[in-house]
PDB file of N, CA and C in Angstrom:
ATOM      1  N   MET A   1      65.153  40.078-186.674  1.00  0.00           N
ATOM      2  CA  MET A   1      66.452  39.900-186.043  1.00  0.00           C
ATOM      3  C   MET A   1      66.650  41.000-184.992  1.00  0.00           C
ATOM      4  N   ILE A   2      66.997  40.575-183.801  1.00  0.00           N
ATOM      5  CA  ILE A   2      67.127  41.543-182.703  1.00  0.00           C
ATOM      6  C   ILE A   2      68.584  41.946-182.461  1.00  0.00           C
ATOM      7  N   THR A   3      69.535  41.113-182.915  1.00  0.00           N
ATOM      8  CA  THR A   3      70.942  41.418-182.693  1.00  0.00           C
ATOM      9  C   THR A   3      71.763  41.237-183.959  1.00  0.00           C
ATOM     10  N   LYS A   4      72.926  41.864-183.933  1.00  0.00           N
ATOM     11  CA  LYS A   4      73.911  41.692-184.999  1.00  0.00           C
ATOM     12  C   LYS A   4      75.255  41.534-184.295  1.00  0.00           C
ATOM     13  N   THR A   5      76.012  40.508-184.639  1.00  0.00           N
ATOM     14  CA  THR A   5      77.282  40.245-183.968  1.00  0.00           C
ATOM     15  C   THR A   5      78.438  40.491-184.923  1.00  0.00           C
ATOM     16  N   GLU A   6      79.484  41.116-184.409  1.00  0.00           N
ATOM     17  CA  GLU A   6      80.679  41.356-185.215  1.00  0.00           C
ATOM     18  C   GLU A   6      81.901  41.378-184.307  1.00  0.00           C
ATOM     19  N   LYS A   7      83.081  41.286-184.912  1.00  0.00           N
ATOM     20  CA  LYS A   7      84.341  41.357-184.171  1.00  0.00           C
ATOM     21  C   LYS A   7      84.934  42.744-184.342  1.00  0.00           C
ATOM     22  N   ILE A   8      85.302  43.374-183.227  1.00  0.00           N
ATOM     23  CA  ILE A   8      85.960  44.676-183.273  1.00  0.00           C
ATOM     24  C   ILE A   8      87.125  44.619-182.284  1.00  0.00           C
ATOM     25  N   GLY A   9      88.313  44.798-182.795  1.00  0.00           N
ATOM     26  CA  GLY A   9      89.498  44.836-181.935  1.00  0.00           C
ATOM     27  C   GLY A   9      89.666  43.625-181.045  1.00  0.00           C
ATOM     28  N   GLY A  10      89.375  42.438-181.556  1.00  0.00           N
ATOM     29  CA  GLY A  10      89.543  41.213-180.781  1.00  0.00           C
ATOM     30  C   GLY A  10      88.396  40.888-179.843  1.00  0.00           C
ATOM     31  N   LYS A  11      87.409  41.758-179.782  1.00  0.00           N
ATOM     32  CA  LYS A  11      86.237  41.515-178.931  1.00  0.00           C
ATOM     33  C   LYS A  11      85.030  41.203-179.811  1.00  0.00           C
ATOM     34  N   SER A  12      84.146  40.359-179.305  1.00  0.00           N
ATOM     35  CA  SER A  12      82.883  40.101-179.993  1.00  0.00           C
ATOM     36  C   SER A  12      81.870  41.132-179.511  1.00  0.00           C
ATOM     37  N   VAL A  13      81.229  41.782-180.461  1.00  0.00           N
ATOM     38  CA  VAL A  13      80.259  42.833-180.126  1.00  0.00           C
ATOM     39  C   VAL A  13      78.875  42.384-180.573  1.00  0.00           C
ATOM     40  N   ILE A  14      77.946  42.381-179.622  1.00  0.00           N
ATOM     41  CA  ILE A  14      76.543  42.102-179.937  1.00  0.00           C
ATOM     42  C   ILE A  14      75.820  43.431-179.952  1.00  0.00           C
ATOM     43  N   ARG A  15      75.404  43.857-181.122  1.00  0.00           N
ATOM     44  CA  ARG A  15      74.618  45.092-181.241  1.00  0.00           C
ATOM     45  C   ARG A  15      73.145  44.709-181.092  1.00  0.00           C
ATOM     46  N   VAL A  16      72.499  45.268-180.078  1.00  0.00           N
ATOM     47  CA  VAL A  16      71.081  45.013-179.852  1.00  0.00           C
ATOM     48  C   VAL A  16      70.312  46.061-180.643  1.00  0.00           C
ATOM     49  N   LEU A  17      69.502  45.606-181.597  1.00  0.00           N
ATOM     50  CA  LEU A  17      68.847  46.500-182.541  1.00  0.00           C
ATOM     51  C   LEU A  17      67.426  46.885-182.141  1.00  0.00           C
ATOM     52  N   LYS A  18      66.817  46.089-181.252  1.00  0.00           N
ATOM     53  CA  LYS A  18      65.436  46.347-180.826  1.00  0.00           C
ATOM     54  C   LYS A  18      65.338  46.195-179.318  1.00  0.00           C
ATOM     55  N   ASP A  19      64.352  46.869-178.720  1.00  0.00           N
ATOM     56  CA  ASP A  19      64.119  46.758-177.279  1.00  0.00           C
ATOM     57  C   ASP A  19      63.962  45.294-176.874  1.00  0.00           C
ATOM     58  N   ILE A  20      64.508  44.967-175.714  1.00  0.00           N
ATOM     59  CA  ILE A  20      64.328  43.619-175.163  1.00  0.00           C
ATOM     60  C   ILE A  20      63.288  43.750-174.063  1.00  0.00           C
ATOM     61  N   ASP A  21      62.039  43.630-174.476  1.00  0.00           N
ATOM     62  CA  ASP A  21      60.938  43.894-173.541  1.00  0.00           C
ATOM     63  C   ASP A  21      59.867  42.816-173.542  1.00  0.00           C
ATOM     64  N   ASP A  22      60.162  41.662-174.172  1.00  0.00           N
ATOM     65  CA  ASP A  22      59.223  40.541-174.112  1.00  0.00           C
ATOM     66  C   ASP A  22      60.001  39.232-174.210  1.00  0.00           C
ATOM     67  N   MET A  23      59.295  38.132-174.031  1.00  0.00           N
ATOM     68  CA  MET A  23      59.937  36.829-173.990  1.00  0.00           C
ATOM     69  C   MET A  23      60.621  36.481-175.316  1.00  0.00           C
ATOM     70  N   LYS A  24      59.991  36.797-176.432  1.00  0.00           N
ATOM     71  CA  LYS A  24      60.558  36.485-177.749  1.00  0.00           C
ATOM     72  C   LYS A  24      61.897  37.219-177.948  1.00  0.00           C
ATOM     73  N   ALA A  25      61.914  38.497-177.644  1.00  0.00           N
ATOM     74  CA  ALA A  25      63.145  39.275-177.775  1.00  0.00           C
ATOM     75  C   ALA A  25      64.215  38.750-176.818  1.00  0.00           C
ATOM     76  N   GLY A  26      63.818  38.405-175.615  1.00  0.00           N
ATOM     77  CA  GLY A  26      64.752  37.858-174.628  1.00  0.00           C
ATOM     78  C   GLY A  26      65.387  36.560-175.094  1.00  0.00           C
ATOM     79  N   GLU A  27      64.580  35.703-175.708  1.00  0.00           N
ATOM     80  CA  GLU A  27      65.101  34.423-176.201  1.00  0.00           C
ATOM     81  C   GLU A  27      66.053  34.623-177.377  1.00  0.00           C
ATOM     82  N   GLU A  28      65.744  35.548-178.263  1.00  0.00           N
ATOM     83  CA  GLU A  28      66.649  35.829-179.385  1.00  0.00           C
ATOM     84  C   GLU A  28      67.984  36.375-178.868  1.00  0.00           C
ATOM     85  N   PHE A  29      67.929  37.233-177.881  1.00  0.00           N
ATOM     86  CA  PHE A  29      69.125  37.797-177.261  1.00  0.00           C
ATOM     87  C   PHE A  29      69.943  36.674-176.605  1.00  0.00           C
ATOM     88  N   LYS A  30      69.254  35.784-175.899  1.00  0.00           N
ATOM     89  CA  LYS A  30      69.915  34.655-175.242  1.00  0.00           C
ATOM     90  C   LYS A  30      70.632  33.778-176.268  1.00  0.00           C
ATOM     91  N   MET A  31      70.002  33.523-177.403  1.00  0.00           N
ATOM     92  CA  MET A  31      70.616  32.670-178.431  1.00  0.00           C
ATOM     93  C   MET A  31      71.894  33.310-178.978  1.00  0.00           C
ATOM     94  N   ALA A  32      71.898  34.620-179.165  1.00  0.00           N
ATOM     95  CA  ALA A  32      73.098  35.311-179.653  1.00  0.00           C
ATOM     96  C   ALA A  32      74.230  35.199-178.638  1.00  0.00           C
ATOM     97  N   LEU A  33      73.922  35.386-177.355  1.00  0.00           N
ATOM     98  CA  LEU A  33      74.931  35.254-176.315  1.00  0.00           C
ATOM     99  C   LEU A  33      75.424  33.812-176.212  1.00  0.00           C
ATOM    100  N   MET A  34      74.503  32.858-176.315  1.00  0.00           N
ATOM    101  CA  MET A  34      74.861  31.439-176.219  1.00  0.00           C
ATOM    102  C   MET A  34      75.811  31.032-177.341  1.00  0.00           C
ATOM    103  N   GLU A  35      75.585  31.556-178.520  1.00  0.00           N
ATOM    104  CA  GLU A  35      76.451  31.243-179.651  1.00  0.00           C
ATOM    105  C   GLU A  35      77.894  31.671-179.364  1.00  0.00           C
ATOM    106  N   LEU A  36      78.068  32.870-178.851  1.00  0.00           N
ATOM    107  CA  LEU A  36      79.410  33.360-178.517  1.00  0.00           C
ATOM    108  C   LEU A  36      80.032  32.540-177.394  1.00  0.00           C
ATOM    109  N   TYR A  37      79.227  32.176-176.428  1.00  0.00           N
ATOM    110  CA  TYR A  37      79.708  31.370-175.304  1.00  0.00           C
ATOM    111  C   TYR A  37      80.186  30.007-175.805  1.00  0.00           C
ATOM    112  N   LYS A  38      79.389  29.373-176.647  1.00  0.00           N
ATOM    113  CA  LYS A  38      79.757  28.054-177.184  1.00  0.00           C
ATOM    114  C   LYS A  38      81.006  28.123-178.051  1.00  0.00           C
ATOM    115  N   GLU A  39      81.217  29.264-178.715  1.00  0.00           N
ATOM    116  CA  GLU A  39      82.404  29.433-179.555  1.00  0.00           C
ATOM    117  C   GLU A  39      83.652  29.714-178.725  1.00  0.00           C
ATOM    118  N   GLY A  40      83.473  29.881-177.409  1.00  0.00           N
ATOM    119  CA  GLY A  40      84.610  30.094-176.524  1.00  0.00           C
ATOM    120  C   GLY A  40      85.117  31.526-176.484  1.00  0.00           C
ATOM    121  N   GLU A  41      84.279  32.465-176.901  1.00  0.00           N
ATOM    122  CA  GLU A  41      84.676  33.878-176.859  1.00  0.00           C
ATOM    123  C   GLU A  41      84.926  34.289-175.410  1.00  0.00           C
ATOM    124  N   LYS A  42      85.959  35.088-175.190  1.00  0.00           N
ATOM    125  CA  LYS A  42      86.319  35.505-173.827  1.00  0.00           C
ATOM    126  C   LYS A  42      85.930  36.943-173.522  1.00  0.00           C
ATOM    127  N   GLU A  43      85.872  37.799-174.546  1.00  0.00           N
ATOM    128  CA  GLU A  43      85.523  39.196-174.326  1.00  0.00           C
ATOM    129  C   GLU A  43      84.341  39.573-175.197  1.00  0.00           C
ATOM    130  N   VAL A  44      83.234  39.862-174.543  1.00  0.00           N
ATOM    131  CA  VAL A  44      81.991  40.162-175.246  1.00  0.00           C
ATOM    132  C   VAL A  44      81.486  41.534-174.809  1.00  0.00           C
ATOM    133  N   VAL A  45      81.156  42.352-175.800  1.00  0.00           N
ATOM    134  CA  VAL A  45      80.616  43.687-175.551  1.00  0.00           C
ATOM    135  C   VAL A  45      79.161  43.697-176.007  1.00  0.00           C
ATOM    136  N   ILE A  46      78.276  44.122-175.120  1.00  0.00           N
ATOM    137  CA  ILE A  46      76.867  44.257-175.477  1.00  0.00           C
ATOM    138  C   ILE A  46      76.612  45.732-175.772  1.00  0.00           C
ATOM    139  N   ASP A  47      76.241  46.008-177.001  1.00  0.00           N
ATOM    140  CA  ASP A  47      75.983  47.384-177.447  1.00  0.00           C
ATOM    141  C   ASP A  47      74.481  47.655-177.363  1.00  0.00           C
ATOM    142  N   LEU A  48      74.093  48.448-176.377  1.00  0.00           N
ATOM    143  CA  LEU A  48      72.676  48.758-176.137  1.00  0.00           C
ATOM    144  C   LEU A  48      72.307  50.166-176.583  1.00  0.00           C
ATOM    145  N   ARG A  49      73.162  50.790-177.385  1.00  0.00           N
ATOM    146  CA  ARG A  49      72.945  52.200-177.748  1.00  0.00           C
ATOM    147  C   ARG A  49      71.706  52.429-178.611  1.00  0.00           C
ATOM    148  N   GLN A  50      71.244  51.407-179.330  1.00  0.00           N
ATOM    149  CA  GLN A  50      70.113  51.614-180.236  1.00  0.00           C
ATOM    150  C   GLN A  50      68.757  51.329-179.594  1.00  0.00           C
ATOM    151  N   ILE A  51      68.758  50.946-178.318  1.00  0.00           N
ATOM    152  CA  ILE A  51      67.474  50.619-177.700  1.00  0.00           C
ATOM    153  C   ILE A  51      67.108  51.642-176.629  1.00  0.00           C
ATOM    154  N   ASN A  52      65.818  51.669-176.293  1.00  0.00           N
ATOM    155  CA  ASN A  52      65.306  52.562-175.260  1.00  0.00           C
ATOM    156  C   ASN A  52      64.797  51.813-174.035  1.00  0.00           C
ATOM    157  N   LEU A  53      64.593  50.498-174.180  1.00  0.00           N
ATOM    158  CA  LEU A  53      64.000  49.740-173.084  1.00  0.00           C
ATOM    159  C   LEU A  53      64.594  48.347-173.003  1.00  0.00           C
ATOM    160  N   ILE A  54      64.926  47.959-171.794  1.00  0.00           N
ATOM    161  CA  ILE A  54      65.308  46.576-171.505  1.00  0.00           C
ATOM    162  C   ILE A  54      64.657  46.240-170.180  1.00  0.00           C
ATOM    163  N   ASN A  55      63.963  45.113-170.132  1.00  0.00           N
ATOM    164  CA  ASN A  55      63.331  44.729-168.867  1.00  0.00           C
ATOM    165  C   ASN A  55      63.915  43.396-168.402  1.00  0.00           C
ATOM    166  N   SER A  56      63.210  42.718-167.527  1.00  0.00           N
ATOM    167  CA  SER A  56      63.734  41.484-166.930  1.00  0.00           C
ATOM    168  C   SER A  56      64.065  40.420-167.976  1.00  0.00           C
ATOM    169  N   HIS A  57      63.396  40.451-169.131  1.00  0.00           N
ATOM    170  CA  HIS A  57      63.688  39.482-170.182  1.00  0.00           C
ATOM    171  C   HIS A  57      65.117  39.652-170.714  1.00  0.00           C
ATOM    172  N   GLY A  58      65.632  40.863-170.691  1.00  0.00           N
ATOM    173  CA  GLY A  58      67.002  41.107-171.139  1.00  0.00           C
ATOM    174  C   GLY A  58      68.000  41.118-169.999  1.00  0.00           C
ATOM    175  N   ILE A  59      67.634  41.748-168.886  1.00  0.00           N
ATOM    176  CA  ILE A  59      68.534  41.844-167.733  1.00  0.00           C
ATOM    177  C   ILE A  59      68.884  40.456-167.213  1.00  0.00           C
ATOM    178  N   GLY A  60      67.909  39.582-167.158  1.00  0.00           N
ATOM    179  CA  GLY A  60      68.156  38.213-166.688  1.00  0.00           C
ATOM    180  C   GLY A  60      69.172  37.490-167.554  1.00  0.00           C
ATOM    181  N   LYS A  61      69.086  37.688-168.858  1.00  0.00           N
ATOM    182  CA  LYS A  61      70.039  37.041-169.782  1.00  0.00           C
ATOM    183  C   LYS A  61      71.434  37.633-169.600  1.00  0.00           C
ATOM    184  N   ILE A  62      71.521  38.953-169.403  1.00  0.00           N
ATOM    185  CA  ILE A  62      72.825  39.568-169.192  1.00  0.00           C
ATOM    186  C   ILE A  62      73.480  39.002-167.931  1.00  0.00           C
ATOM    187  N   LEU A  63      72.727  38.879-166.858  1.00  0.00           N
ATOM    188  CA  LEU A  63      73.283  38.334-165.617  1.00  0.00           C
ATOM    189  C   LEU A  63      73.689  36.873-165.770  1.00  0.00           C
ATOM    190  N   MET A  64      72.871  36.096-166.464  1.00  0.00           N
ATOM    191  CA  MET A  64      73.169  34.683-166.688  1.00  0.00           C
ATOM    192  C   MET A  64      74.505  34.530-167.415  1.00  0.00           C
ATOM    193  N   PHE A  65      74.678  35.318-168.468  1.00  0.00           N
ATOM    194  CA  PHE A  65      75.896  35.188-169.252  1.00  0.00           C
ATOM    195  C   PHE A  65      77.079  35.902-168.611  1.00  0.00           C
ATOM    196  N   TYR A  66      76.846  36.898-167.794  1.00  0.00           N
ATOM    197  CA  TYR A  66      77.930  37.501-167.014  1.00  0.00           C
ATOM    198  C   TYR A  66      78.591  36.402-166.185  1.00  0.00           C
ATOM    199  N   ARG A  67      77.780  35.612-165.496  1.00  0.00           N
ATOM    200  CA  ARG A  67      78.312  34.525-164.665  1.00  0.00           C
ATOM    201  C   ARG A  67      79.017  33.472-165.522  1.00  0.00           C
ATOM    202  N   ARG A  68      78.424  33.128-166.651  1.00  0.00           N
ATOM    203  CA  ARG A  68      79.025  32.105-167.510  1.00  0.00           C
ATOM    204  C   ARG A  68      80.369  32.555-168.068  1.00  0.00           C
ATOM    205  N   PHE A  69      80.448  33.777-168.560  1.00  0.00           N
ATOM    206  CA  PHE A  69      81.709  34.264-169.113  1.00  0.00           C
ATOM    207  C   PHE A  69      82.765  34.397-168.012  1.00  0.00           C
ATOM    208  N   LYS A  70      82.389  34.861-166.837  1.00  0.00           N
ATOM    209  CA  LYS A  70      83.327  34.961-165.720  1.00  0.00           C
ATOM    210  C   LYS A  70      83.879  33.584-165.354  1.00  0.00           C
ATOM    211  N   ALA A  71      83.020  32.567-165.384  1.00  0.00           N
ATOM    212  CA  ALA A  71      83.422  31.206-165.008  1.00  0.00           C
ATOM    213  C   ALA A  71      84.480  30.626-165.945  1.00  0.00           C
ATOM    214  N   ILE A  72      84.531  31.104-167.192  1.00  0.00           N
ATOM    215  CA  ILE A  72      85.540  30.603-168.139  1.00  0.00           C
ATOM    216  C   ILE A  72      86.683  31.600-168.309  1.00  0.00           C
ATOM    217  N   GLY A  73      86.770  32.551-167.381  1.00  0.00           N
ATOM    218  CA  GLY A  73      87.845  33.532-167.423  1.00  0.00           C
ATOM    219  C   GLY A  73      87.609  34.659-168.417  1.00  0.00           C
ATOM    220  N   GLY A  74      86.354  34.840-168.794  1.00  0.00           N
ATOM    221  CA  GLY A  74      86.013  35.881-169.748  1.00  0.00           C
ATOM    222  C   GLY A  74      85.503  37.139-169.078  1.00  0.00           C
ATOM    223  N   GLU A  75      85.104  38.086-169.912  1.00  0.00           N
ATOM    224  CA  GLU A  75      84.602  39.371-169.409  1.00  0.00           C
ATOM    225  C   GLU A  75      83.448  39.830-170.280  1.00  0.00           C
ATOM    226  N   LEU A  76      82.457  40.389-169.641  1.00  0.00           N
ATOM    227  CA  LEU A  76      81.302  40.954-170.331  1.00  0.00           C
ATOM    228  C   LEU A  76      81.326  42.462-170.100  1.00  0.00           C
ATOM    229  N   TYR A  77      81.128  43.222-171.172  1.00  0.00           N
ATOM    230  CA  TYR A  77      81.114  44.684-171.109  1.00  0.00           C
ATOM    231  C   TYR A  77      79.826  45.205-171.738  1.00  0.00           C
ATOM    232  N   VAL A  78      79.524  46.463-171.488  1.00  0.00           N
ATOM    233  CA  VAL A  78      78.466  47.162-172.218  1.00  0.00           C
ATOM    234  C   VAL A  78      79.067  48.445-172.786  1.00  0.00           C
ATOM    235  N   THR A  79      78.518  48.903-173.893  1.00  0.00           N
ATOM    236  CA  THR A  79      78.923  50.201-174.424  1.00  0.00           C
ATOM    237  C   THR A  79      78.355  51.258-173.478  1.00  0.00           C
ATOM    238  N   PRO A  80      78.885  52.490-173.515  1.00  0.00           N
ATOM    239  CA  PRO A  80      78.354  53.534-172.629  1.00  0.00           C
ATOM    240  C   PRO A  80      76.822  53.643-172.737  1.00  0.00           C
ATOM    241  N   LEU A  81      76.185  53.578-171.586  1.00  0.00           N
ATOM    242  CA  LEU A  81      74.723  53.547-171.526  1.00  0.00           C
ATOM    243  C   LEU A  81      74.156  54.955-171.492  1.00  0.00           C
ATOM    244  N   ARG A  82      72.864  55.053-171.891  1.00  0.00           N
ATOM    245  CA  ARG A  82      72.202  56.356-171.886  1.00  0.00           C
ATOM    246  C   ARG A  82      70.726  56.182-171.533  1.00  0.00           C
ATOM    247  N   GLY A  83      70.128  57.273-171.143  1.00  0.00           N
ATOM    248  CA  GLY A  83      68.681  57.321-170.920  1.00  0.00           C
ATOM    249  C   GLY A  83      68.154  56.294-169.937  1.00  0.00           C
ATOM    250  N   SER A  84      67.008  55.719-170.293  1.00  0.00           N
ATOM    251  CA  SER A  84      66.332  54.786-169.388  1.00  0.00           C
ATOM    252  C   SER A  84      67.127  53.500-169.193  1.00  0.00           C
ATOM    253  N   VAL A  85      67.902  53.099-170.205  1.00  0.00           N
ATOM    254  CA  VAL A  85      68.723  51.887-170.057  1.00  0.00           C
ATOM    255  C   VAL A  85      69.772  52.127-168.968  1.00  0.00           C
ATOM    256  N   ARG A  86      70.386  53.309-168.954  1.00  0.00           N
ATOM    257  CA  ARG A  86      71.348  53.659-167.895  1.00  0.00           C
ATOM    258  C   ARG A  86      70.659  53.649-166.535  1.00  0.00           C
ATOM    259  N   GLU A  87      69.474  54.241-166.461  1.00  0.00           N
ATOM    260  CA  GLU A  87      68.736  54.289-165.193  1.00  0.00           C
ATOM    261  C   GLU A  87      68.447  52.887-164.663  1.00  0.00           C
ATOM    262  N   ILE A  88      68.059  51.984-165.554  1.00  0.00           N
ATOM    263  CA  ILE A  88      67.770  50.602-165.149  1.00  0.00           C
ATOM    264  C   ILE A  88      69.037  49.941-164.615  1.00  0.00           C
ATOM    265  N   PHE A  89      70.142  50.076-165.344  1.00  0.00           N
ATOM    266  CA  PHE A  89      71.410  49.485-164.901  1.00  0.00           C
ATOM    267  C   PHE A  89      71.829  50.048-163.542  1.00  0.00           C
ATOM    268  N   GLU A  90      71.692  51.363-163.375  1.00  0.00           N
ATOM    269  CA  GLU A  90      72.082  51.978-162.103  1.00  0.00           C
ATOM    270  C   GLU A  90      71.171  51.547-160.960  1.00  0.00           C
ATOM    271  N   SER A  91      69.879  51.463-161.203  1.00  0.00           N
ATOM    272  CA  SER A  91      68.959  51.084-160.129  1.00  0.00           C
ATOM    273  C   SER A  91      69.171  49.642-159.674  1.00  0.00           C
ATOM    274  N   LEU A  92      69.620  48.788-160.595  1.00  0.00           N
ATOM    275  CA  LEU A  92      69.903  47.388-160.256  1.00  0.00           C
ATOM    276  C   LEU A  92      71.375  47.190-159.873  1.00  0.00           C
ATOM    277  N   MET A  93      72.143  48.270-159.875  1.00  0.00           N
ATOM    278  CA  MET A  93      73.576  48.279-159.585  1.00  0.00           C
ATOM    279  C   MET A  93      74.387  47.406-160.548  1.00  0.00           C
ATOM    280  N   LEU A  94      73.867  47.205-161.737  1.00  0.00           N
ATOM    281  CA  LEU A  94      74.608  46.464-162.764  1.00  0.00           C
ATOM    282  C   LEU A  94      75.793  47.280-163.269  1.00  0.00           C
ATOM    283  N   ASP A  95      75.700  48.598-163.151  1.00  0.00           N
ATOM    284  CA  ASP A  95      76.809  49.456-163.581  1.00  0.00           C
ATOM    285  C   ASP A  95      78.054  49.214-162.723  1.00  0.00           C
ATOM    286  N   LYS A  96      77.888  48.678-161.516  1.00  0.00           N
ATOM    287  CA  LYS A  96      79.016  48.339-160.643  1.00  0.00           C
ATOM    288  C   LYS A  96      79.606  46.980-161.011  1.00  0.00           C
ATOM    289  N   LEU A  97      78.818  46.148-161.658  1.00  0.00           N
ATOM    290  CA  LEU A  97      79.197  44.767-161.980  1.00  0.00           C
ATOM    291  C   LEU A  97      79.796  44.651-163.389  1.00  0.00           C
ATOM    292  N   ILE A  98      79.173  45.324-164.342  1.00  0.00           N
ATOM    293  CA  ILE A  98      79.560  45.178-165.747  1.00  0.00           C
ATOM    294  C   ILE A  98      80.163  46.492-166.226  1.00  0.00           C
ATOM    295  N   PRO A  99      81.462  46.470-166.555  1.00  0.00           N
ATOM    296  CA  PRO A  99      82.112  47.716-166.965  1.00  0.00           C
ATOM    297  C   PRO A  99      81.658  48.211-168.331  1.00  0.00           C
ATOM    298  N   GLU A 100      81.682  49.533-168.483  1.00  0.00           N
ATOM    299  CA  GLU A 100      81.401  50.156-169.773  1.00  0.00           C
ATOM    300  C   GLU A 100      82.711  50.233-170.560  1.00  0.00           C
ATOM    301  N   ILE A 101      82.599  50.097-171.881  1.00  0.00           N
ATOM    302  CA  ILE A 101      83.763  50.175-172.745  1.00  0.00           C
ATOM    303  C   ILE A 101      83.347  50.843-174.047  1.00  0.00           C
ATOM    304  N   ARG A 102      84.224  51.663-174.584  1.00  0.00           N
ATOM    305  CA  ARG A 102      83.956  52.298-175.887  1.00  0.00           C
ATOM    306  C   ARG A 102      84.531  51.404-176.991  1.00  0.00           C
ATOM    307  N   ILE A 103      83.754  51.255-178.051  1.00  0.00           N
ATOM    308  CA  ILE A 103      84.238  50.442-179.181  1.00  0.00           C
ATOM    309  C   ILE A 103      84.313  51.279-180.441  1.00  0.00           C
TER     310      ILE A 103
END
């Protein structure tokens, strides 16, 4: 299992437990996001604090669902980023697109 989902303060939080660095991990991450989307969740927080690496398999899914949640009037957030995950977000300018939130 790559993610764990829970509700905190009215927001759905997806805790990513393992690096998203291959197709299998990317697909598991996508399924967790899809479940929340299908349930009509409007505020989703992606918690990346437990991982050290995310590549295109994860970034692509985040962008896909950012657009989907925005289209239904929702919002996608990330917990405060650190290390290489922060560097990746900053280099792709995702930090300008997806706000950080403390949970």
